[in-house]
Amino acid sequence: MDTDKVKTKLHDTQTASWIKTATTSSKAICTLAGRYRGRPDCWLRSLHRGTHNFSWRLHWDDGGEDWLIRFPLPGKTMSDAKVVHEVIAMQYVAANTDIPVPRVVAHGTANENPTGLGPFVIMTWVEGRTVADIIAETGLGDVDPKVLRVLYTRMAEVLLHLWSLEFDMIGNLGSGESGFCISGSPWTREMNELVRAYGIDIGVFGTGVYHSSTDYVASLLGLQSVQLEQQRNSVYDAADCRMKYATRHLMKALALKFINRPDNHGPFKLFCDEFGPGNVLLDDQFRVTGVIDWEFCYAAPAQFAGSIPSWLLLQRPHDILNDQGADAFLSAFMPKADLFLECLEWIEQQNETQTTSNRLSVRMRQSIQDKSAWFILACRNFLAVDTLYWELLDDFCWGAGVSIEERVRQFTASDDGMLRVRERFVRRKILQLRDYQKEFG
């Protein structure tokens, strides 16, 4: 789905302006970090730009460890609370697992940052290469199978640690007088993108916690409908509008089929939208030195953490589906899924701490068999839900041999009342699209 170019141009201008200021602020940045080091004479050893953040590696000639100072990028990060949520997630994981996490030195709000660069976090620098970089050296298809097994094992170890963390509500991690808690609705990567690149008002998102998977999934499916309705260029033409309208109705109709009833009311699991091979750092012996980038982490339905990871091919599934189709995607994905599950099962056998039914490998294997992995991915991925649904779910749920056009007719125009409601929506969207095209030129 196309972004709202009017919104992204506005936000990209904001980002460029901030970067211009930041890259001439080295002295102020060292002064800020020096508050916590006890000496201001640092130098900026390297610069790192990610999707949502801008960072510098800081060095002092005092024999101590290097630090990383990181700022959320204005125009890319749409929540003022992102830094706080990430810091709490790092502290919680460090306190409750053996996952090596950078130590948080300090963090502050924009008002607490005299550089004028906004909220910040300072943490210890972690040496190592990411799993993604190691694989990229040869390409996934040419990685030595023994090496890939080791790399998948390291990823599985981290996921098993996270699987051990349990919560009684769905929401963001917070902290209070009695320690860590769940506080407020999850702030996800997709929600950030809806505001940043698709023109959705941040006020449409919930603010409270959720007590069941069904309620949370229903809220996500509701947001998908809001995005389709509010984004001015969410459709290309009338036929595309009818297809997307049908997708959202079909996803809602299928929700109860895919939600696991036994853990509907918990326990819930820690889930990180951006966790993948780019987050796990290894040394030359392939030992984990650190796990980084804990933004967009929240307590989520167990099925989110219990689904087979979508990053196994180091590409987003919907990109492969769009380019090559479902058969090619599954032909590439399934051998990697089998290998990953073998690695996960091997670790579980070394640590007999859970009943067989609650083993992560069992849950992940089941998510492939019953297709719930793709339903959960489609729920989370607002901007690729149409591709994921029609390529991986529709035939499985309703039977093959029916065209998209016929399925759309069956579920949105089987009687005159449904047809009138749909066509009113289509006309409204086409008028929106024309207004957008006039403004964008």
Protein backbone atom coordinates (compact mmCIF):
# COMPACT_ATOMS: atom_id res chain seq x y z
CA MET A 1 0.00 0.00 0.00
CA ASP A 2 1.33 3.41 -0.95
CA THR A 3 2.25 5.90 1.74
CA ASP A 4 0.62 9.31 1.98
CA LYS A 5 3.28 11.33 0.12
CA VAL A 6 2.01 14.60 1.57
CA LYS A 7 2.58 13.32 5.13
CA THR A 8 5.92 11.62 4.42
CA LYS A 9 7.30 14.73 2.71
CA LEU A 10 6.41 16.76 5.79
CA HIS A 11 8.03 14.25 8.14
CA ASP A 12 11.10 13.73 5.94
CA THR A 13 11.72 17.49 6.02
CA GLN A 14 11.52 17.37 9.80
CA THR A 15 14.02 14.49 9.89
CA ALA A 16 16.48 16.21 7.54
CA SER A 17 16.37 19.41 9.60
CA TRP A 18 17.10 17.49 12.80
CA ILE A 19 20.03 15.59 11.25
CA LYS A 20 21.54 18.85 9.99
CA THR A 21 21.45 20.22 13.54
CA ALA A 22 22.64 16.99 15.16
CA THR A 23 25.69 16.57 12.95
CA THR A 24 27.00 19.97 14.09
CA SER A 25 26.34 19.29 17.78
CA SER A 26 29.25 17.02 18.71
CA LYS A 27 30.51 19.30 21.50
CA ALA A 28 27.06 19.58 23.08
CA ILE A 29 26.57 15.80 22.82
CA CYS A 30 29.90 15.15 24.57
CA THR A 31 28.99 17.67 27.26
CA LEU A 32 25.70 15.86 27.85
CA ALA A 33 27.34 12.43 28.05
CA GLY A 34 30.13 13.88 30.18
CA ARG A 35 27.60 14.62 32.93
CA TYR A 36 27.32 10.89 33.52
CA ARG A 37 30.96 10.00 32.83
CA GLY A 38 32.40 12.73 35.03
CA ARG A 39 34.46 14.17 32.17
CA PRO A 40 33.35 15.99 29.00
CA ASP A 41 36.38 15.24 26.80
CA CYS A 42 34.86 12.47 24.71
CA TRP A 43 35.13 12.04 20.99
CA LEU A 44 32.58 10.63 18.62
CA ARG A 45 34.02 7.38 17.37
CA SER A 46 31.31 6.42 14.85
CA LEU A 47 27.85 7.42 13.69
CA HIS A 48 24.95 5.02 13.22
CA ARG A 49 21.60 5.71 11.58
CA GLY A 50 18.73 3.24 11.88
CA THR A 51 15.13 3.37 10.76
CA HIS A 52 13.92 5.25 13.83
CA ASN A 53 17.09 6.38 15.62
CA PHE A 54 20.35 8.31 15.21
CA SER A 55 23.29 7.26 17.38
CA TRP A 56 26.94 7.98 18.14
CA ARG A 57 29.54 5.72 19.69
CA LEU A 58 31.34 7.74 22.36
CA HIS A 59 34.93 7.16 23.51
CA TRP A 60 37.02 8.54 26.35
CA ASP A 61 40.75 8.06 26.84
CA ASP A 62 40.22 6.84 30.39
CA GLY A 63 40.48 3.08 29.88
CA GLY A 64 36.74 2.62 30.38
CA GLU A 65 34.08 1.20 28.12
CA ASP A 66 32.65 3.05 25.16
CA TRP A 67 29.07 4.25 25.31
CA LEU A 68 26.32 4.72 22.74
CA ILE A 69 24.08 7.78 22.84
CA ARG A 70 20.89 7.43 20.86
CA PHE A 71 18.19 9.87 19.86
CA PRO A 72 14.81 8.97 18.30
CA LEU A 73 14.58 10.64 14.91
CA PRO A 74 11.87 13.32 14.68
CA GLY A 75 9.71 12.56 11.68
CA LYS A 76 10.45 8.84 12.04
CA THR A 77 9.39 8.26 15.65
CA MET A 78 5.88 9.43 16.45
CA SER A 79 5.66 8.75 20.20
CA ASP A 80 7.38 10.90 22.81
CA ALA A 81 7.35 7.90 25.17
CA LYS A 82 9.38 5.59 22.90
CA VAL A 83 12.65 6.03 24.80
CA VAL A 84 11.03 5.36 28.16
CA HIS A 85 9.32 2.21 26.87
CA GLU A 86 12.56 0.91 25.39
CA VAL A 87 14.57 1.61 28.54
CA ILE A 88 12.03 -0.19 30.73
CA ALA A 89 12.03 -3.17 28.35
CA MET A 90 15.83 -3.38 28.49
CA GLN A 91 15.86 -3.15 32.27
CA TYR A 92 13.12 -5.76 32.61
CA VAL A 93 14.82 -8.24 30.30
CA ALA A 94 18.18 -7.71 32.03
CA ALA A 95 16.60 -8.29 35.45
CA ASN A 96 14.57 -11.38 34.51
CA THR A 97 16.63 -13.31 31.94
CA ASP A 98 20.22 -14.18 31.07
CA ILE A 99 20.01 -12.29 27.76
CA PRO A 100 23.00 -9.91 27.53
CA VAL A 101 21.47 -6.44 27.18
CA PRO A 102 23.36 -3.13 27.03
CA ARG A 103 23.45 -1.43 30.42
CA VAL A 104 21.42 1.78 30.48
CA VAL A 105 23.64 4.58 31.80
CA ALA A 106 21.08 7.37 31.60
CA HIS A 107 18.04 8.55 29.71
CA GLY A 108 15.99 11.70 29.62
CA THR A 109 13.16 13.63 28.05
CA ALA A 110 13.55 16.51 25.61
CA ASN A 111 13.24 18.93 28.54
CA GLU A 112 16.14 17.17 30.26
CA ASN A 113 18.41 17.41 27.21
CA PRO A 114 20.21 20.79 26.85
CA THR A 115 21.42 19.93 23.32
CA GLY A 116 17.96 20.59 21.91
CA LEU A 117 18.01 17.19 20.19
CA GLY A 118 15.08 15.71 22.08
CA PRO A 119 14.76 12.56 24.22
CA PHE A 120 17.92 10.47 24.59
CA VAL A 121 19.30 7.26 26.04
CA ILE A 122 22.92 6.47 26.85
CA MET A 123 23.93 2.82 27.08
CA THR A 124 27.07 0.72 27.02
CA TRP A 125 28.53 -0.09 23.60
CA VAL A 126 28.39 -3.78 22.63
CA GLU A 127 31.00 -5.29 20.32
CA GLY A 128 30.05 -7.89 17.76
CA ARG A 129 28.53 -8.54 14.36
CA THR A 130 24.83 -9.06 13.89
CA VAL A 131 23.50 -12.40 12.74
CA ALA A 132 22.08 -10.58 9.72
CA ASP A 133 25.50 -9.19 8.76
CA ILE A 134 27.14 -12.61 9.11
CA ILE A 135 24.57 -14.17 6.79
CA ALA A 136 24.79 -11.26 4.36
CA GLU A 137 28.51 -11.90 3.83
CA THR A 138 27.65 -14.87 1.62
CA GLY A 139 23.89 -14.58 1.17
CA LEU A 140 21.36 -16.86 2.82
CA GLY A 141 21.45 -19.42 0.03
CA ASP A 142 25.24 -19.83 0.27
CA VAL A 143 25.71 -19.93 4.04
CA ASP A 144 27.45 -23.09 5.25
CA PRO A 145 24.58 -25.27 6.64
CA LYS A 146 26.56 -25.88 9.84
CA VAL A 147 27.03 -22.15 10.33
CA LEU A 148 23.37 -21.43 9.65
CA ARG A 149 22.42 -24.06 12.23
CA VAL A 150 24.59 -22.31 14.82
CA LEU A 151 23.15 -18.90 13.93
CA TYR A 152 19.57 -20.15 14.15
CA THR A 153 20.42 -21.79 17.48
CA ARG A 154 21.61 -18.47 18.88
CA MET A 155 18.40 -16.79 17.74
CA ALA A 156 16.34 -19.61 19.26
CA GLU A 157 18.14 -19.24 22.59
CA VAL A 158 17.09 -15.61 22.84
CA LEU A 159 13.48 -16.41 21.91
CA LEU A 160 13.34 -19.15 24.55
CA HIS A 161 14.47 -16.70 27.23
CA LEU A 162 11.74 -14.26 26.15
CA TRP A 163 9.15 -17.08 26.10
CA SER A 164 9.76 -17.60 29.83
CA LEU A 165 8.46 -14.09 30.64
CA GLU A 166 4.76 -13.99 31.47
CA PHE A 167 2.21 -11.26 32.16
CA ASP A 168 -1.44 -11.07 33.16
CA MET A 169 -2.33 -8.17 30.83
CA ILE A 170 -1.53 -7.01 27.30
CA GLY A 171 0.18 -3.63 27.05
CA ASN A 172 3.37 -1.61 27.29
CA LEU A 173 5.87 -2.29 30.03
CA GLY A 174 5.90 0.35 32.73
CA SER A 175 7.41 0.82 36.16
CA GLY A 176 6.00 1.98 39.46
CA GLU A 177 6.68 1.98 43.17
CA SER A 178 6.28 -1.79 43.34
CA GLY A 179 8.47 -2.50 40.29
CA PHE A 180 7.67 -3.40 36.71
CA CYS A 181 4.07 -3.44 35.55
CA ILE A 182 1.89 -3.30 32.44
CA SER A 183 0.90 0.28 31.75
CA GLY A 184 -1.17 1.43 28.80
CA SER A 185 -1.94 0.06 25.36
CA PRO A 186 0.89 -1.39 23.24
CA TRP A 187 2.67 1.08 20.98
CA THR A 188 3.69 -1.00 17.98
CA ARG A 189 5.85 -0.44 14.92
CA GLU A 190 2.78 -0.51 12.69
CA MET A 191 1.00 2.13 14.78
CA ASN A 192 4.07 4.34 14.48
CA GLU A 193 3.99 3.93 10.69
CA LEU A 194 0.26 4.61 10.46
CA VAL A 195 0.83 8.02 12.00
CA ARG A 196 4.13 8.77 10.25
CA ALA A 197 3.50 7.63 6.71
CA TYR A 198 -0.23 7.06 6.28
CA GLY A 199 -1.82 10.11 7.86
CA ILE A 200 -3.76 8.36 10.63
CA ASP A 201 -4.64 10.44 13.69
CA ILE A 202 -2.85 9.16 16.79
CA GLY A 203 -6.10 9.70 18.71
CA VAL A 204 -7.67 6.56 17.17
CA PHE A 205 -5.39 4.25 19.16
CA GLY A 206 -6.51 2.79 22.46
CA THR A 207 -4.90 3.89 25.70
CA GLY A 208 -5.82 1.11 28.12
CA VAL A 209 -4.51 -2.40 28.71
CA TYR A 210 -6.20 -5.52 27.32
CA HIS A 211 -7.21 -8.57 29.32
CA SER A 212 -7.75 -11.05 26.49
CA SER A 213 -6.23 -11.95 23.15
CA THR A 214 -9.62 -11.65 21.47
CA ASP A 215 -10.03 -8.05 22.62
CA TYR A 216 -6.55 -7.10 21.47
CA VAL A 217 -6.84 -8.82 18.08
CA ALA A 218 -10.25 -7.18 17.61
CA SER A 219 -8.64 -3.80 18.25
CA LEU A 220 -5.97 -4.48 15.61
CA LEU A 221 -8.54 -5.55 13.05
CA GLY A 222 -10.56 -2.45 13.87
CA LEU A 223 -7.49 -0.29 13.25
CA GLN A 224 -7.04 -1.93 9.86
CA SER A 225 -10.52 -0.75 8.93
CA VAL A 226 -9.78 2.73 10.29
CA GLN A 227 -6.61 2.90 8.19
CA LEU A 228 -8.47 1.88 5.05
CA GLU A 229 -11.12 4.51 5.74
CA GLN A 230 -8.93 7.42 6.89
CA GLN A 231 -5.88 7.19 4.64
CA ARG A 232 -6.78 9.22 1.60
CA ASN A 233 -4.81 7.11 -0.88
CA SER A 234 -5.33 3.68 0.69
CA VAL A 235 -6.90 2.40 -2.56
CA TYR A 236 -5.86 2.65 -6.21
CA ASP A 237 -9.31 2.41 -7.80
CA ALA A 238 -12.82 1.04 -7.19
CA ALA A 239 -11.86 -2.62 -7.74
CA ASP A 240 -8.91 -2.33 -5.34
CA CYS A 241 -11.20 -0.67 -2.80
CA ARG A 242 -13.71 -3.53 -2.97
CA MET A 243 -10.95 -6.09 -2.51
CA LYS A 244 -9.48 -4.31 0.53
CA TYR A 245 -12.93 -3.75 2.01
CA ALA A 246 -13.58 -7.49 1.70
CA THR A 247 -10.21 -8.39 3.21
CA ARG A 248 -11.00 -6.58 6.43
CA HIS A 249 -14.44 -8.18 6.70
CA LEU A 250 -12.98 -11.62 6.06
CA MET A 251 -10.21 -11.16 8.64
CA LYS A 252 -12.79 -10.25 11.28
CA ALA A 253 -14.93 -13.25 10.31
CA LEU A 254 -11.96 -15.58 10.77
CA ALA A 255 -10.56 -14.21 14.03
CA LEU A 256 -12.13 -16.73 16.42
CA LYS A 257 -11.00 -19.59 14.18
CA PHE A 258 -7.35 -18.66 14.73
CA ILE A 259 -7.21 -17.36 18.31
CA ASN A 260 -6.05 -20.01 20.75
CA ARG A 261 -8.81 -20.24 23.35
CA PRO A 262 -6.86 -21.91 26.22
CA ASP A 263 -4.54 -18.90 26.62
CA ASN A 264 -7.03 -16.24 25.55
CA HIS A 265 -6.87 -14.70 29.04
CA GLY A 266 -3.16 -15.28 29.53
CA PRO A 267 -0.49 -15.77 30.41
CA PHE A 268 0.72 -13.21 27.88
CA LYS A 269 4.28 -13.02 26.54
CA LEU A 270 6.87 -10.34 25.84
CA PHE A 271 6.93 -9.67 22.11
CA CYS A 272 9.17 -7.33 20.12
CA ASP A 273 7.98 -6.19 16.69
CA GLU A 274 11.50 -5.52 15.44
CA PHE A 275 13.30 -8.55 16.88
CA GLY A 276 15.28 -10.42 14.25
CA PRO A 277 18.80 -11.26 13.03
CA GLY A 278 19.72 -7.58 13.02
CA ASN A 279 19.29 -7.39 16.81
CA VAL A 280 21.58 -10.22 17.95
CA LEU A 281 25.34 -9.55 18.14
CA LEU A 282 27.90 -12.36 18.09
CA ASP A 283 31.66 -12.59 18.61
CA ASP A 284 34.04 -14.49 16.34
CA GLN A 285 33.14 -17.76 18.06
CA PHE A 286 29.44 -17.13 17.43
CA ARG A 287 28.69 -16.45 21.09
CA VAL A 288 26.03 -13.85 21.86
CA THR A 289 27.60 -10.61 23.07
CA GLY A 290 24.42 -8.58 23.21
CA VAL A 291 20.85 -8.14 22.04
CA ILE A 292 20.05 -4.58 21.00
CA ASP A 293 17.16 -2.36 19.85
CA TRP A 294 14.31 -3.10 22.27
CA GLU A 295 11.86 -0.56 20.86
CA PHE A 296 8.30 -1.65 20.12
CA CYS A 297 8.33 -4.36 22.81
CA TYR A 298 5.15 -5.13 24.76
CA ALA A 299 3.20 -7.88 26.52
CA ALA A 300 1.22 -9.57 23.75
CA PRO A 301 -0.98 -12.62 23.15
CA ALA A 302 1.05 -15.83 23.49
CA GLN A 303 0.39 -16.58 19.82
CA PHE A 304 2.43 -13.55 18.79
CA ALA A 305 5.56 -14.95 20.44
CA GLY A 306 4.51 -18.54 19.71
CA SER A 307 4.27 -18.16 15.92
CA ILE A 308 7.08 -19.27 13.63
CA PRO A 309 9.34 -16.23 13.08
CA SER A 310 8.67 -14.36 9.85
CA TRP A 311 12.33 -13.25 9.50
CA LEU A 312 13.82 -16.66 8.64
CA LEU A 313 14.45 -15.66 5.01
CA LEU A 314 15.80 -12.22 6.00
CA GLN A 315 13.08 -10.68 3.85
CA ARG A 316 9.56 -9.62 4.69
CA PRO A 317 7.16 -12.38 3.61
CA HIS A 318 4.85 -9.99 1.78
CA ASP A 319 7.73 -8.74 -0.38
CA ILE A 320 8.42 -12.29 -1.58
CA LEU A 321 4.70 -12.98 -1.99
CA ASN A 322 4.25 -9.87 -4.12
CA ASP A 323 7.24 -10.71 -6.31
CA GLN A 324 7.00 -14.50 -6.59
CA GLY A 325 3.71 -15.76 -5.15
CA ALA A 326 2.77 -18.16 -2.35
CA ASP A 327 4.28 -21.35 -3.80
CA ALA A 328 7.73 -19.80 -4.21
CA PHE A 329 7.56 -18.22 -0.74
CA LEU A 330 6.58 -21.45 1.01
CA SER A 331 9.12 -23.49 -0.97
CA ALA A 332 11.86 -21.21 0.33
CA PHE A 333 10.44 -20.67 3.81
CA MET A 334 9.57 -24.20 4.94
CA PRO A 335 13.09 -25.72 4.81
CA LYS A 336 14.36 -22.80 6.91
CA ALA A 337 11.45 -23.22 9.33
CA ASP A 338 12.25 -26.94 9.73
CA LEU A 339 15.90 -26.13 10.44
CA PHE A 340 15.01 -23.43 12.95
CA LEU A 341 12.61 -25.74 14.76
CA GLU A 342 15.27 -28.47 14.93
CA CYS A 343 17.59 -25.96 16.61
CA LEU A 344 14.86 -24.86 19.01
CA GLU A 345 13.93 -28.44 19.91
CA TRP A 346 17.57 -29.27 20.58
CA ILE A 347 17.84 -26.42 23.10
CA GLU A 348 14.56 -27.42 24.76
CA GLN A 349 15.83 -30.97 25.20
CA GLN A 350 18.86 -29.61 27.07
CA ASN A 351 16.57 -27.65 29.38
CA GLU A 352 13.62 -29.81 30.39
CA THR A 353 11.71 -27.06 32.19
CA GLN A 354 8.34 -27.01 30.40
CA THR A 355 5.60 -29.47 29.64
CA THR A 356 5.60 -30.73 26.07
CA SER A 357 2.39 -28.87 25.18
CA ASN A 358 3.84 -25.51 26.30
CA ARG A 359 7.15 -25.87 24.53
CA LEU A 360 7.83 -23.03 22.16
CA SER A 361 8.77 -25.43 19.37
CA VAL A 362 5.40 -27.19 19.67
CA ARG A 363 3.56 -23.88 19.49
CA MET A 364 5.57 -22.73 16.49
CA ARG A 365 5.13 -25.97 14.60
CA GLN A 366 1.40 -25.84 15.26
CA SER A 367 1.26 -22.25 14.00
CA ILE A 368 2.53 -23.46 10.62
CA GLN A 369 0.13 -26.38 10.43
CA ASP A 370 -3.01 -24.44 11.32
CA LYS A 371 -1.91 -21.26 9.45
CA SER A 372 -2.33 -19.16 12.58
CA ALA A 373 1.20 -17.80 12.05
CA TRP A 374 0.01 -16.08 8.87
CA PHE A 375 -3.20 -14.83 10.46
CA ILE A 376 -1.26 -13.31 13.38
CA LEU A 377 1.24 -11.75 10.97
CA ALA A 378 -1.63 -10.30 8.92
CA CYS A 379 -3.21 -8.89 12.10
CA ARG A 380 0.03 -7.16 13.07
CA ASN A 381 1.00 -6.01 9.61
CA PHE A 382 -1.64 -3.45 8.66
CA LEU A 383 0.08 -2.43 5.47
CA ALA A 384 0.50 -5.94 4.02
CA VAL A 385 -2.69 -7.55 5.30
CA ASP A 386 -4.20 -7.83 1.82
CA THR A 387 -1.24 -9.69 0.33
CA LEU A 388 -0.90 -12.00 3.34
CA TYR A 389 -4.60 -12.78 3.43
CA TRP A 390 -5.17 -13.54 -0.25
CA GLU A 391 -1.88 -15.42 -0.77
CA LEU A 392 -1.76 -17.50 2.43
CA LEU A 393 -5.18 -17.66 4.09
CA ASP A 394 -8.16 -17.38 1.75
CA ASP A 395 -7.98 -20.78 0.03
CA PHE A 396 -7.18 -22.51 3.32
CA CYS A 397 -10.18 -20.97 5.08
CA TRP A 398 -12.86 -21.00 2.40
CA GLY A 399 -11.67 -23.48 -0.21
CA ALA A 400 -9.71 -23.14 -3.42
CA GLY A 401 -11.03 -22.57 -6.92
CA VAL A 402 -12.74 -19.24 -6.33
CA SER A 403 -11.40 -16.00 -7.79
CA ILE A 404 -10.76 -12.96 -5.62
CA GLU A 405 -13.57 -11.15 -7.44
CA GLU A 406 -16.05 -13.91 -6.64
CA ARG A 407 -14.96 -14.11 -3.00
CA VAL A 408 -15.39 -10.35 -2.69
CA ARG A 409 -18.89 -10.62 -4.12
CA GLN A 410 -19.82 -13.53 -1.81
CA PHE A 411 -18.86 -11.71 1.36
CA THR A 412 -19.69 -8.09 0.64
CA ALA A 413 -22.48 -8.08 -1.95
CA SER A 414 -24.57 -11.20 -1.42
CA ASP A 415 -27.67 -9.10 -0.72
CA ASP A 416 -28.81 -5.62 -1.68
CA GLY A 417 -28.20 -4.15 1.77
CA MET A 418 -24.58 -5.29 1.92
CA LEU A 419 -24.02 -4.11 -1.64
CA ARG A 420 -25.37 -0.62 -0.92
CA VAL A 421 -23.18 -0.22 2.18
CA ARG A 422 -20.08 -1.34 0.30
CA GLU A 423 -20.69 0.88 -2.71
CA ARG A 424 -21.26 3.94 -0.51
CA PHE A 425 -17.86 3.23 1.02
CA VAL A 426 -16.29 2.82 -2.43
CA ARG A 427 -17.69 6.13 -3.68
CA ARG A 428 -16.42 7.92 -0.57
CA LYS A 429 -12.94 6.46 -1.02
CA ILE A 430 -12.74 7.43 -4.67
CA LEU A 431 -13.64 11.03 -3.78
CA GLN A 432 -10.93 10.96 -1.08
CA LEU A 433 -8.42 9.64 -3.59
CA ARG A 434 -9.24 12.41 -6.09
CA ASP A 435 -8.80 15.07 -3.40
CA TYR A 436 -5.45 13.55 -2.43
CA GLN A 437 -4.27 13.43 -6.05
CA LYS A 438 -5.18 17.10 -6.52
CA GLU A 439 -3.18 18.07 -3.42
CA PHE A 440 -0.20 15.88 -4.22
CA GLY A 441 -0.20 16.85 -7.87
